[in-house]
Amino acid sequence: MSEQRFIIEMGMGNDQYGQDHTKAAARAIEDAIRHSALPIFEAVGLSHDQMRVQVTVGVQEPEAVDCEALTTKLPRGRVTVRAVKGGLNVPNPETGGLIVIASASVEAFLPRQDGWVRQGEAG
């Protein structure tokens, strides 16, 4: 059975003083999911284990992100996290430090359900 994406959230996070790409990415993920609620599970009787969650975080140094640690930031589903080149490092000319800014997308997928409304068919 194929999957269908039923939610995508975007977020932004930063680490102003520690230059920690994982911390900035974690804050971006938290920002993305902070305002989400998924009542669909109770409404249609699905288990959260059926949901696959795909997270992509963009930072200037993707190799500096601990993707495994970030999987714990998602409370439900089977989670994968990948880091890609993106985000922004803003240098502080007075201290030489960096503000690390990360962006994140959090996508949730479920097995395609018969009878669900397809895009453009509602109403």
C-alpha atoms as a PDB file:
ATOM      1  CA  MET A   1       0.000   0.000   0.000  1.00  0.00           C
ATOM      2  CA  SER A   2       1.396   3.411  -0.888  1.00  0.00           C
ATOM      3  CA  GLU A   3       1.689   6.271   1.558  1.00  0.00           C
ATOM      4  CA  GLN A   4       0.245   9.739   1.468  1.00  0.00           C
ATOM      5  CA  ARG A   5       1.593  12.812   3.182  1.00  0.00           C
ATOM      6  CA  PHE A   6      -1.046  14.321   5.404  1.00  0.00           C
ATOM      7  CA  ILE A   7       0.923  17.030   7.183  1.00  0.00           C
ATOM      8  CA  ILE A   8       3.965  19.189   6.593  1.00  0.00           C
ATOM      9  CA  GLU A   9       5.160  21.749   9.097  1.00  0.00           C
ATOM     10  CA  MET A  10       8.083  24.163   8.816  1.00  0.00           C
ATOM     11  CA  GLY A  11      10.142  25.702  11.583  1.00  0.00           C
ATOM     12  CA  MET A  12      13.173  27.807  12.361  1.00  0.00           C
ATOM     13  CA  GLY A  13      15.553  27.635  15.303  1.00  0.00           C
ATOM     14  CA  ASN A  14      18.887  29.030  16.336  1.00  0.00           C
ATOM     15  CA  ASP A  15      21.753  28.771  18.771  1.00  0.00           C
ATOM     16  CA  GLN A  16      22.952  32.275  19.496  1.00  0.00           C
ATOM     17  CA  TYR A  17      25.996  31.563  21.622  1.00  0.00           C
ATOM     18  CA  GLY A  18      27.018  27.903  21.546  1.00  0.00           C
ATOM     19  CA  GLN A  19      27.510  27.492  17.786  1.00  0.00           C
ATOM     20  CA  ASP A  20      25.721  24.136  18.151  1.00  0.00           C
ATOM     21  CA  HIS A  21      24.103  22.968  14.918  1.00  0.00           C
ATOM     22  CA  THR A  22      22.205  20.141  16.633  1.00  0.00           C
ATOM     23  CA  LYS A  23      20.715  22.534  19.199  1.00  0.00           C
ATOM     24  CA  ALA A  24      19.621  24.942  16.442  1.00  0.00           C
ATOM     25  CA  ALA A  25      18.102  22.025  14.488  1.00  0.00           C
ATOM     26  CA  ALA A  26      16.272  20.762  17.598  1.00  0.00           C
ATOM     27  CA  ARG A  27      14.763  24.208  18.118  1.00  0.00           C
ATOM     28  CA  ALA A  28      13.669  24.321  14.461  1.00  0.00           C
ATOM     29  CA  ILE A  29      11.936  20.939  14.865  1.00  0.00           C
ATOM     30  CA  GLU A  30      10.241  22.078  18.077  1.00  0.00           C
ATOM     31  CA  ASP A  31       9.089  25.241  16.300  1.00  0.00           C
ATOM     32  CA  ALA A  32       7.634  23.164  13.468  1.00  0.00           C
ATOM     33  CA  ILE A  33       5.585  20.865  15.703  1.00  0.00           C
ATOM     34  CA  ARG A  34       4.716  23.298  18.505  1.00  0.00           C
ATOM     35  CA  HIS A  35       1.355  24.298  17.029  1.00  0.00           C
ATOM     36  CA  SER A  36       0.340  20.937  15.588  1.00  0.00           C
ATOM     37  CA  ALA A  37      -2.356  18.612  16.787  1.00  0.00           C
ATOM     38  CA  LEU A  38      -3.209  15.358  15.033  1.00  0.00           C
ATOM     39  CA  PRO A  39      -6.757  14.371  16.010  1.00  0.00           C
ATOM     40  CA  ILE A  40      -6.956  12.250  12.865  1.00  0.00           C
ATOM     41  CA  PHE A  41      -5.698   9.199  14.769  1.00  0.00           C
ATOM     42  CA  GLU A  42      -8.600   9.153  17.199  1.00  0.00           C
ATOM     43  CA  ALA A  43     -11.069  10.170  14.480  1.00  0.00           C
ATOM     44  CA  VAL A  44     -10.295   7.220  12.197  1.00  0.00           C
ATOM     45  CA  GLY A  45      -8.908   4.696  14.685  1.00  0.00           C
ATOM     46  CA  LEU A  46      -5.297   4.644  13.508  1.00  0.00           C
ATOM     47  CA  SER A  47      -2.261   3.844  15.639  1.00  0.00           C
ATOM     48  CA  HIS A  48       0.531   6.398  15.866  1.00  0.00           C
ATOM     49  CA  ASP A  49       2.894   3.554  14.949  1.00  0.00           C
ATOM     50  CA  GLN A  50       1.417   3.622  11.446  1.00  0.00           C
ATOM     51  CA  MET A  51       2.784   7.146  10.889  1.00  0.00           C
ATOM     52  CA  ARG A  52       6.166   7.677   9.263  1.00  0.00           C
ATOM     53  CA  VAL A  53       7.744  11.032  10.104  1.00  0.00           C
ATOM     54  CA  GLN A  54      10.421  12.436   7.826  1.00  0.00           C
ATOM     55  CA  VAL A  55      12.409  15.400   9.131  1.00  0.00           C
ATOM     56  CA  THR A  56      14.811  17.461   7.049  1.00  0.00           C
ATOM     57  CA  VAL A  57      16.938  20.090   8.759  1.00  0.00           C
ATOM     58  CA  GLY A  58      18.980  22.646   6.883  1.00  0.00           C
ATOM     59  CA  VAL A  59      22.163  24.038   8.446  1.00  0.00           C
ATOM     60  CA  GLN A  60      25.418  25.359   7.063  1.00  0.00           C
ATOM     61  CA  GLU A  61      27.337  22.381   8.486  1.00  0.00           C
ATOM     62  CA  PRO A  62      25.095  19.303   8.093  1.00  0.00           C
ATOM     63  CA  GLU A  63      27.891  16.983   9.224  1.00  0.00           C
ATOM     64  CA  ALA A  64      27.801  18.746  12.631  1.00  0.00           C
ATOM     65  CA  VAL A  65      24.209  17.617  13.300  1.00  0.00           C
ATOM     66  CA  ASP A  66      23.513  14.567  15.462  1.00  0.00           C
ATOM     67  CA  CYS A  67      20.519  13.257  13.506  1.00  0.00           C
ATOM     68  CA  GLU A  68      20.042  10.271  15.811  1.00  0.00           C
ATOM     69  CA  ALA A  69      19.668  12.558  18.841  1.00  0.00           C
ATOM     70  CA  LEU A  70      17.083  14.636  16.976  1.00  0.00           C
ATOM     71  CA  THR A  71      14.770  11.650  16.471  1.00  0.00           C
ATOM     72  CA  THR A  72      13.847  11.946  20.164  1.00  0.00           C
ATOM     73  CA  LYS A  73      12.345  15.398  19.508  1.00  0.00           C
ATOM     74  CA  LEU A  74       9.360  13.822  17.729  1.00  0.00           C
ATOM     75  CA  PRO A  75       6.818  12.344  20.147  1.00  0.00           C
ATOM     76  CA  ARG A  76       5.127   9.866  17.783  1.00  0.00           C
ATOM     77  CA  GLY A  77       5.668   7.781  14.694  1.00  0.00           C
ATOM     78  CA  ARG A  78       8.630   6.104  13.037  1.00  0.00           C
ATOM     79  CA  VAL A  79      11.061   9.001  12.692  1.00  0.00           C
ATOM     80  CA  THR A  80      13.976   9.602  10.346  1.00  0.00           C
ATOM     81  CA  VAL A  81      16.044  12.788  10.389  1.00  0.00           C
ATOM     82  CA  ARG A  82      18.468  13.973   7.757  1.00  0.00           C
ATOM     83  CA  ALA A  83      20.605  17.093   7.673  1.00  0.00           C
ATOM     84  CA  VAL A  84      21.239  19.004   4.470  1.00  0.00           C
ATOM     85  CA  LYS A  85      23.106  22.154   3.510  1.00  0.00           C
ATOM     86  CA  GLY A  86      20.926  25.147   4.305  1.00  0.00           C
ATOM     87  CA  GLY A  87      20.225  27.502   7.147  1.00  0.00           C
ATOM     88  CA  LEU A  88      22.547  30.366   7.894  1.00  0.00           C
ATOM     89  CA  ASN A  89      25.585  31.147  10.021  1.00  0.00           C
ATOM     90  CA  VAL A  90      25.742  34.773  11.108  1.00  0.00           C
ATOM     91  CA  PRO A  91      29.193  35.830  12.312  1.00  0.00           C
ATOM     92  CA  ASN A  92      29.700  38.196  15.224  1.00  0.00           C
ATOM     93  CA  PRO A  93      32.590  40.406  14.066  1.00  0.00           C
ATOM     94  CA  GLU A  94      33.424  41.441  17.626  1.00  0.00           C
ATOM     95  CA  THR A  95      33.734  37.964  19.178  1.00  0.00           C
ATOM     96  CA  GLY A  96      34.337  35.730  16.161  1.00  0.00           C
ATOM     97  CA  GLY A  97      31.421  33.560  17.247  1.00  0.00           C
ATOM     98  CA  LEU A  98      28.535  32.437  15.082  1.00  0.00           C
ATOM     99  CA  ILE A  99      24.799  32.480  15.433  1.00  0.00           C
ATOM    100  CA  VAL A 100      23.665  29.196  13.907  1.00  0.00           C
ATOM    101  CA  ILE A 101      20.238  29.328  12.247  1.00  0.00           C
ATOM    102  CA  ALA A 102      18.503  26.115  11.169  1.00  0.00           C
ATOM    103  CA  SER A 103      15.352  25.451   9.193  1.00  0.00           C
ATOM    104  CA  ALA A 104      13.302  22.267   9.422  1.00  0.00           C
ATOM    105  CA  SER A 105      10.496  20.523   7.613  1.00  0.00           C
ATOM    106  CA  VAL A 106       8.527  17.833   9.396  1.00  0.00           C
ATOM    107  CA  GLU A 107       6.453  15.629   7.112  1.00  0.00           C
ATOM    108  CA  ALA A 108       4.068  12.917   8.294  1.00  0.00           C
ATOM    109  CA  PHE A 109       2.932  10.031   6.103  1.00  0.00           C
ATOM    110  CA  LEU A 110       0.269   7.359   6.585  1.00  0.00           C
ATOM    111  CA  PRO A 111      -0.663   4.370   4.484  1.00  0.00           C
ATOM    112  CA  ARG A 112      -3.186   5.473   1.876  1.00  0.00           C
ATOM    113  CA  GLN A 113      -6.684   5.042   3.302  1.00  0.00           C
ATOM    114  CA  ASP A 114      -9.626   4.061   1.097  1.00  0.00           C
ATOM    115  CA  GLY A 115     -12.385   6.635   1.219  1.00  0.00           C
ATOM    116  CA  TRP A 116     -10.211   9.579   2.220  1.00  0.00           C
ATOM    117  CA  VAL A 117     -10.961  12.758   0.328  1.00  0.00           C
ATOM    118  CA  ARG A 118      -8.397  13.371  -2.373  1.00  0.00           C
ATOM    119  CA  GLN A 119      -7.058  16.832  -3.122  1.00  0.00           C
ATOM    120  CA  GLY A 120      -9.603  18.789  -5.139  1.00  0.00           C
ATOM    121  CA  GLU A 121     -12.553  16.514  -4.274  1.00  0.00           C
ATOM    122  CA  ALA A 122     -13.662  18.165  -1.013  1.00  0.00           C
ATOM    123  CA  GLY A 123     -16.929  20.044  -0.784  1.00  0.00           C
END
